[in-house]
């Protein structure tokens, strides 16, 4: 079951600061996208952003499967 933010029971593993793994990945993605904007031709920055997108995608797919 998900709440109004789309958070499922699989997302509730919180860190010491109270954020979930998905929230942490989302925040990291924002930072990486800002880095891509700042350095659009830097392949290392693009790879780092892609890594976070892949991790977030996997986590959200797993959460969606668990909710189904």
C-alpha atoms as a PDB file:
ATOM      1  CA  UNK A   1       0.000   0.000   0.000  1.00  0.00           C
ATOM      2  CA  UNK A   2       1.312   3.495  -0.767  1.00  0.00           C
ATOM      3  CA  UNK A   3       0.664   6.848   0.828  1.00  0.00           C
ATOM      4  CA  UNK A   4      -0.108  10.070  -1.045  1.00  0.00           C
ATOM      5  CA  UNK A   5       3.590  10.494  -1.876  1.00  0.00           C
ATOM      6  CA  UNK A   6       3.843   7.042  -3.446  1.00  0.00           C
ATOM      7  CA  UNK A   7       5.873   5.666  -0.555  1.00  0.00           C
ATOM      8  CA  UNK A   8       5.356   1.972   0.040  1.00  0.00           C
ATOM      9  CA  UNK A   9       6.185  -0.289   2.938  1.00  0.00           C
ATOM     10  CA  UNK A  10       9.384  -1.290   1.123  1.00  0.00           C
ATOM     11  CA  UNK A  11      10.568   2.330   1.347  1.00  0.00           C
ATOM     12  CA  UNK A  12      10.331   2.564   5.106  1.00  0.00           C
ATOM     13  CA  UNK A  13      13.877   1.494   5.909  1.00  0.00           C
ATOM     14  CA  UNK A  14      14.969   4.780   7.413  1.00  0.00           C
ATOM     15  CA  UNK A  15      18.411   6.141   8.142  1.00  0.00           C
ATOM     16  CA  UNK A  16      19.522   7.828  11.352  1.00  0.00           C
ATOM     17  CA  UNK A  17      18.306  11.142   9.924  1.00  0.00           C
ATOM     18  CA  UNK A  18      14.830   9.753   9.277  1.00  0.00           C
ATOM     19  CA  UNK A  19      15.072   9.614   5.483  1.00  0.00           C
ATOM     20  CA  UNK A  20      14.273   6.503   3.512  1.00  0.00           C
ATOM     21  CA  UNK A  21      16.601   4.888   1.011  1.00  0.00           C
ATOM     22  CA  UNK A  22      14.424   6.186  -1.827  1.00  0.00           C
ATOM     23  CA  UNK A  23      14.495   9.721  -0.443  1.00  0.00           C
ATOM     24  CA  UNK A  24      18.267   9.536  -0.152  1.00  0.00           C
ATOM     25  CA  UNK A  25      18.540   8.400  -3.762  1.00  0.00           C
ATOM     26  CA  UNK A  26      16.126  11.133  -4.868  1.00  0.00           C
ATOM     27  CA  UNK A  27      18.208  13.778  -3.116  1.00  0.00           C
ATOM     28  CA  UNK A  28      21.371  12.353  -4.645  1.00  0.00           C
ATOM     29  CA  UNK A  29      19.763  12.419  -8.074  1.00  0.00           C
ATOM     30  CA  UNK A  30      18.907  16.092  -7.716  1.00  0.00           C
ATOM     31  CA  UNK A  31      22.520  16.834  -6.826  1.00  0.00           C
ATOM     32  CA  UNK A  32      23.811  14.825  -9.771  1.00  0.00           C
ATOM     33  CA  UNK A  33      21.405  16.488 -12.192  1.00  0.00           C
ATOM     34  CA  UNK A  34      22.617  19.872 -10.988  1.00  0.00           C
ATOM     35  CA  UNK A  35      26.170  18.662 -11.640  1.00  0.00           C
ATOM     36  CA  UNK A  36      25.188  17.601 -15.168  1.00  0.00           C
ATOM     37  CA  UNK A  37      23.720  21.048 -15.779  1.00  0.00           C
ATOM     38  CA  UNK A  38      26.955  22.593 -14.531  1.00  0.00           C
ATOM     39  CA  UNK A  39      29.209  20.306 -16.571  1.00  0.00           C
ATOM     40  CA  UNK A  40      27.171  18.969 -19.501  1.00  0.00           C
ATOM     41  CA  UNK A  41      30.199  17.552 -21.341  1.00  0.00           C
ATOM     42  CA  UNK A  42      31.739  15.727 -18.358  1.00  0.00           C
ATOM     43  CA  UNK A  43      31.298  11.995 -18.925  1.00  0.00           C
ATOM     44  CA  UNK A  44      32.172  11.093 -15.320  1.00  0.00           C
ATOM     45  CA  UNK A  45      29.412  13.368 -14.030  1.00  0.00           C
ATOM     46  CA  UNK A  46      26.979  11.822 -16.515  1.00  0.00           C
ATOM     47  CA  UNK A  47      27.970   8.299 -15.437  1.00  0.00           C
ATOM     48  CA  UNK A  48      27.487   9.171 -11.774  1.00  0.00           C
ATOM     49  CA  UNK A  49      24.021  10.555 -12.531  1.00  0.00           C
ATOM     50  CA  UNK A  50      23.184   7.453 -14.557  1.00  0.00           C
ATOM     51  CA  UNK A  51      24.266   5.219 -11.673  1.00  0.00           C
ATOM     52  CA  UNK A  52      21.861   6.978  -9.329  1.00  0.00           C
ATOM     53  CA  UNK A  53      19.033   6.800 -11.879  1.00  0.00           C
ATOM     54  CA  UNK A  54      19.624   3.045 -12.223  1.00  0.00           C
ATOM     55  CA  UNK A  55      19.665   2.537  -8.439  1.00  0.00           C
ATOM     56  CA  UNK A  56      16.523   4.604  -7.951  1.00  0.00           C
ATOM     57  CA  UNK A  57      14.763   2.773 -10.780  1.00  0.00           C
ATOM     58  CA  UNK A  58      15.628  -0.604  -9.279  1.00  0.00           C
ATOM     59  CA  UNK A  59      14.491   0.475  -5.822  1.00  0.00           C
ATOM     60  CA  UNK A  60      11.174   1.879  -7.092  1.00  0.00           C
ATOM     61  CA  UNK A  61      10.516  -1.199  -9.226  1.00  0.00           C
ATOM     62  CA  UNK A  62      11.154  -3.423  -6.205  1.00  0.00           C
ATOM     63  CA  UNK A  63       8.847  -1.287  -4.078  1.00  0.00           C
ATOM     64  CA  UNK A  64       6.165  -1.431  -6.770  1.00  0.00           C
ATOM     65  CA  UNK A  65       6.442  -5.202  -6.982  1.00  0.00           C
ATOM     66  CA  UNK A  66       6.205  -5.510  -3.214  1.00  0.00           C
ATOM     67  CA  UNK A  67       3.087  -3.333  -3.179  1.00  0.00           C
ATOM     68  CA  UNK A  68       1.365  -5.355  -5.905  1.00  0.00           C
END
